[in-house]
Amino acid sequence: IRKTLTQLENKMDKLGVALAEAEEQLADNSLYEAENKAKLNEVLALQASSKSELEEVEMEWMSAQEELEQMELEFNQ
């Protein structure tokens, strides 16, 4: 379980970085000019997929964390 938690934490970190990069790009006003429409759509898609996957991984992490806490509780009784 601890290994799974570590893997999920690493994945959350990577997704957080990807999301931050997408949001940084979206802050650039030149991205919204007509000639950059394809790039804008690409960045928006990356932002959406990163957010969605991050939410899923966070839920997996919470579930694994709860499982670990339950196992520790049972072990200590």
PDB file of N, CA and C in Angstrom:
ATOM      1  N   ILE A   1       0.843  -1.199   0.000  1.00  0.00           N
ATOM      2  CA  ILE A   1       0.000   0.000   0.000  1.00  0.00           C
ATOM      3  C   ILE A   1       0.884   1.256   0.000  1.00  0.00           C
ATOM      4  N   ARG A   2       1.937   1.251   0.800  1.00  0.00           N
ATOM      5  CA  ARG A   2       2.810   2.437   0.849  1.00  0.00           C
ATOM      6  C   ARG A   2       3.435   2.714  -0.523  1.00  0.00           C
ATOM      7  N   LYS A   3       3.808   1.647  -1.217  1.00  0.00           N
ATOM      8  CA  LYS A   3       4.390   1.801  -2.556  1.00  0.00           C
ATOM      9  C   LYS A   3       3.358   2.418  -3.504  1.00  0.00           C
ATOM     10  N   THR A   4       2.133   1.954  -3.410  1.00  0.00           N
ATOM     11  CA  THR A   4       1.054   2.501  -4.234  1.00  0.00           C
ATOM     12  C   THR A   4       0.846   3.972  -3.924  1.00  0.00           C
ATOM     13  N   LEU A   5       0.852   4.317  -2.638  1.00  0.00           N
ATOM     14  CA  LEU A   5       0.686   5.717  -2.238  1.00  0.00           C
ATOM     15  C   LEU A   5       1.802   6.586  -2.814  1.00  0.00           C
ATOM     16  N   THR A   6       3.027   6.089  -2.749  1.00  0.00           N
ATOM     17  CA  THR A   6       4.164   6.843  -3.287  1.00  0.00           C
ATOM     18  C   THR A   6       4.019   7.034  -4.793  1.00  0.00           C
ATOM     19  N   GLN A   7       3.614   5.980  -5.497  1.00  0.00           N
ATOM     20  CA  GLN A   7       3.418   6.080  -6.945  1.00  0.00           C
ATOM     21  C   GLN A   7       2.320   7.091  -7.277  1.00  0.00           C
ATOM     22  N   LEU A   8       1.240   7.050  -6.522  1.00  0.00           N
ATOM     23  CA  LEU A   8       0.143   7.986  -6.756  1.00  0.00           C
ATOM     24  C   LEU A   8       0.569   9.419  -6.452  1.00  0.00           C
ATOM     25  N   GLU A   9       1.367   9.596  -5.401  1.00  0.00           N
ATOM     26  CA  GLU A   9       1.858  10.936  -5.065  1.00  0.00           C
ATOM     27  C   GLU A   9       2.751  11.478  -6.176  1.00  0.00           C
ATOM     28  N   ASN A  10       3.607  10.614  -6.731  1.00  0.00           N
ATOM     29  CA  ASN A  10       4.468  11.029  -7.840  1.00  0.00           C
ATOM     30  C   ASN A  10       3.639  11.412  -9.059  1.00  0.00           C
ATOM     31  N   LYS A  11       2.611  10.632  -9.323  1.00  0.00           N
ATOM     32  CA  LYS A  11       1.733  10.918 -10.461  1.00  0.00           C
ATOM     33  C   LYS A  11       0.993  12.246 -10.245  1.00  0.00           C
ATOM     34  N   MET A  12       0.537  12.488  -9.002  1.00  0.00           N
ATOM     35  CA  MET A  12      -0.141  13.756  -8.701  1.00  0.00           C
ATOM     36  C   MET A  12       0.808  14.934  -8.907  1.00  0.00           C
ATOM     37  N   ASP A  13       2.066  14.760  -8.509  1.00  0.00           N
ATOM     38  CA  ASP A  13       3.053  15.825  -8.702  1.00  0.00           C
ATOM     39  C   ASP A  13       3.229  16.139 -10.185  1.00  0.00           C
ATOM     40  N   LYS A  14       3.383  15.096 -11.003  1.00  0.00           N
ATOM     41  CA  LYS A  14       3.573  15.290 -12.445  1.00  0.00           C
ATOM     42  C   LYS A  14       2.355  15.956 -13.077  1.00  0.00           C
ATOM     43  N   LEU A  15       1.177  15.518 -12.677  1.00  0.00           N
ATOM     44  CA  LEU A  15      -0.045  16.118 -13.218  1.00  0.00           C
ATOM     45  C   LEU A  15      -0.190  17.563 -12.761  1.00  0.00           C
ATOM     46  N   GLY A  16       0.201  17.838 -11.541  1.00  0.00           N
ATOM     47  CA  GLY A  16       0.163  19.209 -11.038  1.00  0.00           C
ATOM     48  C   GLY A  16       1.074  20.121 -11.838  1.00  0.00           C
ATOM     49  N   VAL A  17       2.253  19.617 -12.192  1.00  0.00           N
ATOM     50  CA  VAL A  17       3.193  20.391 -13.009  1.00  0.00           C
ATOM     51  C   VAL A  17       2.602  20.627 -14.396  1.00  0.00           C
ATOM     52  N   ALA A  18       2.032  19.586 -14.999  1.00  0.00           N
ATOM     53  CA  ALA A  18       1.430  19.724 -16.329  1.00  0.00           C
ATOM     54  C   ALA A  18       0.292  20.735 -16.304  1.00  0.00           C
ATOM     55  N   LEU A  19      -0.507  20.684 -15.263  1.00  0.00           N
ATOM     56  CA  LEU A  19      -1.628  21.616 -15.127  1.00  0.00           C
ATOM     57  C   LEU A  19      -1.118  23.047 -14.950  1.00  0.00           C
ATOM     58  N   ALA A  20      -0.102  23.223 -14.143  1.00  0.00           N
ATOM     59  CA  ALA A  20       0.472  24.557 -13.925  1.00  0.00           C
ATOM     60  C   ALA A  20       1.058  25.115 -15.218  1.00  0.00           C
ATOM     61  N   GLU A  21       1.712  24.252 -15.995  1.00  0.00           N
ATOM     62  CA  GLU A  21       2.279  24.692 -17.273  1.00  0.00           C
ATOM     63  C   GLU A  21       1.174  25.119 -18.234  1.00  0.00           C
ATOM     64  N   ALA A  22       0.100  24.350 -18.284  1.00  0.00           N
ATOM     65  CA  ALA A  22      -1.021  24.697 -19.158  1.00  0.00           C
ATOM     66  C   ALA A  22      -1.626  26.027 -18.731  1.00  0.00           C
ATOM     67  N   GLU A  23      -1.800  26.211 -17.443  1.00  0.00           N
ATOM     68  CA  GLU A  23      -2.397  27.455 -16.949  1.00  0.00           C
ATOM     69  C   GLU A  23      -1.472  28.647 -17.173  1.00  0.00           C
ATOM     70  N   GLU A  24      -0.165  28.405 -17.111  1.00  0.00           N
ATOM     71  CA  GLU A  24       0.795  29.474 -17.401  1.00  0.00           C
ATOM     72  C   GLU A  24       0.686  29.889 -18.873  1.00  0.00           C
ATOM     73  N   GLN A  25       0.556  28.898 -19.750  1.00  0.00           N
ATOM     74  CA  GLN A  25       0.403  29.198 -21.176  1.00  0.00           C
ATOM     75  C   GLN A  25      -0.895  29.951 -21.431  1.00  0.00           C
ATOM     76  N   LEU A  26      -1.949  29.569 -20.712  1.00  0.00           N
ATOM     77  CA  LEU A  26      -3.243  30.231 -20.893  1.00  0.00           C
ATOM     78  C   LEU A  26      -3.214  31.679 -20.408  1.00  0.00           C
ATOM     79  N   ALA A  27      -2.264  32.015 -19.567  1.00  0.00           N
ATOM     80  CA  ALA A  27      -2.140  33.387 -19.077  1.00  0.00           C
ATOM     81  C   ALA A  27      -1.515  34.311 -20.128  1.00  0.00           C
ATOM     82  N   ASP A  28      -0.925  33.716 -21.163  1.00  0.00           N
ATOM     83  CA  ASP A  28      -0.293  34.493 -22.233  1.00  0.00           C
ATOM     84  C   ASP A  28      -1.366  34.990 -23.203  1.00  0.00           C
ATOM     85  N   ASN A  29      -1.554  36.292 -23.253  1.00  0.00           N
ATOM     86  CA  ASN A  29      -2.603  36.879 -24.096  1.00  0.00           C
ATOM     87  C   ASN A  29      -2.436  36.573 -25.577  1.00  0.00           C
ATOM     88  N   SER A  30      -1.210  36.382 -26.042  1.00  0.00           N
ATOM     89  CA  SER A  30      -0.993  36.107 -27.468  1.00  0.00           C
ATOM     90  C   SER A  30      -1.602  34.768 -27.885  1.00  0.00           C
ATOM     91  N   LEU A  31      -1.824  33.899 -26.932  1.00  0.00           N
ATOM     92  CA  LEU A  31      -2.418  32.594 -27.229  1.00  0.00           C
ATOM     93  C   LEU A  31      -3.847  32.735 -27.749  1.00  0.00           C
ATOM     94  N   TYR A  32      -4.486  33.847 -27.423  1.00  0.00           N
ATOM     95  CA  TYR A  32      -5.887  34.044 -27.793  1.00  0.00           C
ATOM     96  C   TYR A  32      -6.054  34.739 -29.140  1.00  0.00           C
ATOM     97  N   GLU A  33      -4.951  35.022 -29.828  1.00  0.00           N
ATOM     98  CA  GLU A  33      -5.029  35.625 -31.156  1.00  0.00           C
ATOM     99  C   GLU A  33      -5.449  34.566 -32.164  1.00  0.00           C
ATOM    100  N   ALA A  34      -6.092  35.005 -33.232  1.00  0.00           N
ATOM    101  CA  ALA A  34      -6.686  34.092 -34.217  1.00  0.00           C
ATOM    102  C   ALA A  34      -5.692  33.062 -34.754  1.00  0.00           C
ATOM    103  N   GLU A  35      -4.459  33.491 -35.022  1.00  0.00           N
ATOM    104  CA  GLU A  35      -3.489  32.558 -35.618  1.00  0.00           C
ATOM    105  C   GLU A  35      -3.023  31.478 -34.636  1.00  0.00           C
ATOM    106  N   ASN A  36      -3.344  31.623 -33.377  1.00  0.00           N
ATOM    107  CA  ASN A  36      -2.945  30.637 -32.367  1.00  0.00           C
ATOM    108  C   ASN A  36      -4.107  29.764 -31.894  1.00  0.00           C
ATOM    109  N   LYS A  37      -5.181  29.745 -32.661  1.00  0.00           N
ATOM    110  CA  LYS A  37      -6.380  29.006 -32.242  1.00  0.00           C
ATOM    111  C   LYS A  37      -6.087  27.522 -32.012  1.00  0.00           C
ATOM    112  N   ALA A  38      -5.311  26.907 -32.906  1.00  0.00           N
ATOM    113  CA  ALA A  38      -5.000  25.480 -32.761  1.00  0.00           C
ATOM    114  C   ALA A  38      -4.209  25.231 -31.475  1.00  0.00           C
ATOM    115  N   LYS A  39      -3.240  26.099 -31.206  1.00  0.00           N
ATOM    116  CA  LYS A  39      -2.431  25.959 -29.985  1.00  0.00           C
ATOM    117  C   LYS A  39      -3.302  26.164 -28.746  1.00  0.00           C
ATOM    118  N   LEU A  40      -4.212  27.130 -28.807  1.00  0.00           N
ATOM    119  CA  LEU A  40      -5.127  27.380 -27.690  1.00  0.00           C
ATOM    120  C   LEU A  40      -5.966  26.141 -27.401  1.00  0.00           C
ATOM    121  N   ASN A  41      -6.517  25.547 -28.457  1.00  0.00           N
ATOM    122  CA  ASN A  41      -7.332  24.339 -28.278  1.00  0.00           C
ATOM    123  C   ASN A  41      -6.508  23.200 -27.684  1.00  0.00           C
ATOM    124  N   GLU A  42      -5.254  23.093 -28.118  1.00  0.00           N
ATOM    125  CA  GLU A  42      -4.363  22.053 -27.601  1.00  0.00           C
ATOM    126  C   GLU A  42      -4.101  22.262 -26.105  1.00  0.00           C
ATOM    127  N   VAL A  43      -3.834  23.502 -25.723  1.00  0.00           N
ATOM    128  CA  VAL A  43      -3.548  23.810 -24.316  1.00  0.00           C
ATOM    129  C   VAL A  43      -4.798  23.610 -23.460  1.00  0.00           C
ATOM    130  N   LEU A  44      -5.950  24.014 -23.976  1.00  0.00           N
ATOM    131  CA  LEU A  44      -7.201  23.809 -23.234  1.00  0.00           C
ATOM    132  C   LEU A  44      -7.487  22.324 -23.032  1.00  0.00           C
ATOM    133  N   ALA A  45      -7.221  21.514 -24.062  1.00  0.00           N
ATOM    134  CA  ALA A  45      -7.424  20.068 -23.948  1.00  0.00           C
ATOM    135  C   ALA A  45      -6.468  19.474 -22.914  1.00  0.00           C
ATOM    136  N   LEU A  46      -5.222  19.942 -22.930  1.00  0.00           N
ATOM    137  CA  LEU A  46      -4.239  19.470 -21.951  1.00  0.00           C
ATOM    138  C   LEU A  46      -4.662  19.844 -20.537  1.00  0.00           C
ATOM    139  N   GLN A  47      -5.146  21.061 -20.374  1.00  0.00           N
ATOM    140  CA  GLN A  47      -5.608  21.521 -19.063  1.00  0.00           C
ATOM    141  C   GLN A  47      -6.764  20.643 -18.570  1.00  0.00           C
ATOM    142  N   ALA A  48      -7.730  20.403 -19.440  1.00  0.00           N
ATOM    143  CA  ALA A  48      -8.904  19.609 -19.057  1.00  0.00           C
ATOM    144  C   ALA A  48      -8.516  18.174 -18.708  1.00  0.00           C
ATOM    145  N   SER A  49      -7.669  17.564 -19.535  1.00  0.00           N
ATOM    146  CA  SER A  49      -7.290  16.174 -19.262  1.00  0.00           C
ATOM    147  C   SER A  49      -6.440  16.075 -17.999  1.00  0.00           C
ATOM    148  N   SER A  50      -5.574  17.049 -17.774  1.00  0.00           N
ATOM    149  CA  SER A  50      -4.748  17.042 -16.559  1.00  0.00           C
ATOM    150  C   SER A  50      -5.612  17.182 -15.314  1.00  0.00           C
ATOM    151  N   LYS A  51      -6.591  18.088 -15.367  1.00  0.00           N
ATOM    152  CA  LYS A  51      -7.497  18.271 -14.217  1.00  0.00           C
ATOM    153  C   LYS A  51      -8.268  16.993 -13.929  1.00  0.00           C
ATOM    154  N   SER A  52      -8.811  16.405 -14.981  1.00  0.00           N
ATOM    155  CA  SER A  52      -9.617  15.199 -14.829  1.00  0.00           C
ATOM    156  C   SER A  52      -8.787  14.049 -14.263  1.00  0.00           C
ATOM    157  N   GLU A  53      -7.612  13.837 -14.839  1.00  0.00           N
ATOM    158  CA  GLU A  53      -6.766  12.740 -14.375  1.00  0.00           C
ATOM    159  C   GLU A  53      -6.274  12.996 -12.952  1.00  0.00           C
ATOM    160  N   LEU A  54      -5.976  14.251 -12.629  1.00  0.00           N
ATOM    161  CA  LEU A  54      -5.534  14.592 -11.279  1.00  0.00           C
ATOM    162  C   LEU A  54      -6.628  14.279 -10.262  1.00  0.00           C
ATOM    163  N   GLU A  55      -7.867  14.599 -10.594  1.00  0.00           N
ATOM    164  CA  GLU A  55      -8.984  14.291  -9.692  1.00  0.00           C
ATOM    165  C   GLU A  55      -9.099  12.789  -9.466  1.00  0.00           C
ATOM    166  N   GLU A  56      -8.946  12.000 -10.545  1.00  0.00           N
ATOM    167  CA  GLU A  56      -9.035  10.542 -10.431  1.00  0.00           C
ATOM    168  C   GLU A  56      -7.916   9.993  -9.544  1.00  0.00           C
ATOM    169  N   VAL A  57      -6.702  10.483  -9.767  1.00  0.00           N
ATOM    170  CA  VAL A  57      -5.556  10.005  -8.993  1.00  0.00           C
ATOM    171  C   VAL A  57      -5.699  10.406  -7.528  1.00  0.00           C
ATOM    172  N   GLU A  58      -6.205  11.607  -7.272  1.00  0.00           N
ATOM    173  CA  GLU A  58      -6.429  12.036  -5.884  1.00  0.00           C
ATOM    174  C   GLU A  58      -7.433  11.120  -5.191  1.00  0.00           C
ATOM    175  N   MET A  59      -8.474  10.712  -5.907  1.00  0.00           N
ATOM    176  CA  MET A  59      -9.468   9.800  -5.325  1.00  0.00           C
ATOM    177  C   MET A  59      -8.834   8.441  -5.031  1.00  0.00           C
ATOM    178  N   GLU A  60      -8.008   7.946  -5.956  1.00  0.00           N
ATOM    179  CA  GLU A  60      -7.306   6.680  -5.735  1.00  0.00           C
ATOM    180  C   GLU A  60      -6.402   6.788  -4.510  1.00  0.00           C
ATOM    181  N   TRP A  61      -5.690   7.922  -4.401  1.00  0.00           N
ATOM    182  CA  TRP A  61      -4.780   8.130  -3.275  1.00  0.00           C
ATOM    183  C   TRP A  61      -5.549   8.135  -1.961  1.00  0.00           C
ATOM    184  N   MET A  62      -6.671   8.851  -1.928  1.00  0.00           N
ATOM    185  CA  MET A  62      -7.471   8.913  -0.700  1.00  0.00           C
ATOM    186  C   MET A  62      -7.963   7.526  -0.311  1.00  0.00           C
ATOM    187  N   SER A  63      -8.377   6.747  -1.280  1.00  0.00           N
ATOM    188  CA  SER A  63      -8.846   5.396  -1.011  1.00  0.00           C
ATOM    189  C   SER A  63      -7.713   4.529  -0.448  1.00  0.00           C
ATOM    190  N   ALA A  64      -6.546   4.606  -1.065  1.00  0.00           N
ATOM    191  CA  ALA A  64      -5.401   3.829  -0.592  1.00  0.00           C
ATOM    192  C   ALA A  64      -4.967   4.292   0.799  1.00  0.00           C
ATOM    193  N   GLN A  65      -5.019   5.590   1.038  1.00  0.00           N
ATOM    194  CA  GLN A  65      -4.650   6.138   2.349  1.00  0.00           C
ATOM    195  C   GLN A  65      -5.615   5.637   3.425  1.00  0.00           C
ATOM    196  N   GLU A  66      -6.896   5.626   3.109  1.00  0.00           N
ATOM    197  CA  GLU A  66      -7.890   5.115   4.058  1.00  0.00           C
ATOM    198  C   GLU A  66      -7.655   3.636   4.340  1.00  0.00           C
ATOM    199  N   GLU A  67      -7.320   2.882   3.287  1.00  0.00           N
ATOM    200  CA  GLU A  67      -7.053   1.454   3.449  1.00  0.00           C
ATOM    201  C   GLU A  67      -5.840   1.240   4.357  1.00  0.00           C
ATOM    202  N   LEU A  68      -4.797   2.029   4.158  1.00  0.00           N
ATOM    203  CA  LEU A  68      -3.601   1.932   4.994  1.00  0.00           C
ATOM    204  C   LEU A  68      -3.926   2.272   6.444  1.00  0.00           C
ATOM    205  N   GLU A  69      -4.676   3.337   6.653  1.00  0.00           N
ATOM    206  CA  GLU A  69      -5.049   3.731   8.015  1.00  0.00           C
ATOM    207  C   GLU A  69      -5.865   2.640   8.693  1.00  0.00           C
ATOM    208  N   GLN A  70      -6.760   2.012   7.951  1.00  0.00           N
ATOM    209  CA  GLN A  70      -7.576   0.934   8.507  1.00  0.00           C
ATOM    210  C   GLN A  70      -6.705  -0.265   8.879  1.00  0.00           C
ATOM    211  N   MET A  71      -5.753  -0.587   8.003  1.00  0.00           N
ATOM    212  CA  MET A  71      -4.849  -1.701   8.283  1.00  0.00           C
ATOM    213  C   MET A  71      -4.004  -1.415   9.524  1.00  0.00           C
ATOM    214  N   GLU A  72      -3.516  -0.188   9.648  1.00  0.00           N
ATOM    215  CA  GLU A  72      -2.716   0.180  10.819  1.00  0.00           C
ATOM    216  C   GLU A  72      -3.550   0.124  12.088  1.00  0.00           C
ATOM    217  N   LEU A  73      -4.793   0.561  11.992  1.00  0.00           N
ATOM    218  CA  LEU A  73      -5.696   0.534  13.137  1.00  0.00           C
ATOM    219  C   LEU A  73      -5.941  -0.904  13.586  1.00  0.00           C
ATOM    220  N   GLU A  74      -6.200  -1.794  12.633  1.00  0.00           N
ATOM    221  CA  GLU A  74      -6.446  -3.201  12.952  1.00  0.00           C
ATOM    222  C   GLU A  74      -5.187  -3.862  13.517  1.00  0.00           C
ATOM    223  N   PHE A  75      -4.038  -3.497  12.981  1.00  0.00           N
ATOM    224  CA  PHE A  75      -2.775  -4.076  13.437  1.00  0.00           C
ATOM    225  C   PHE A  75      -2.468  -3.668  14.876  1.00  0.00           C
ATOM    226  N   ASN A  76      -2.814  -2.442  15.233  1.00  0.00           N
ATOM    227  CA  ASN A  76      -2.507  -1.924  16.569  1.00  0.00           C
ATOM    228  C   ASN A  76      -3.495  -2.376  17.636  1.00  0.00           C
ATOM    229  N   GLN A  77      -4.529  -3.084  17.267  1.00  0.00           N
ATOM    230  CA  GLN A  77      -5.512  -3.536  18.264  1.00  0.00           C
ATOM    231  C   GLN A  77      -5.148  -4.873  18.834  1.00  0.00           C
TER     232      GLN A  77
END
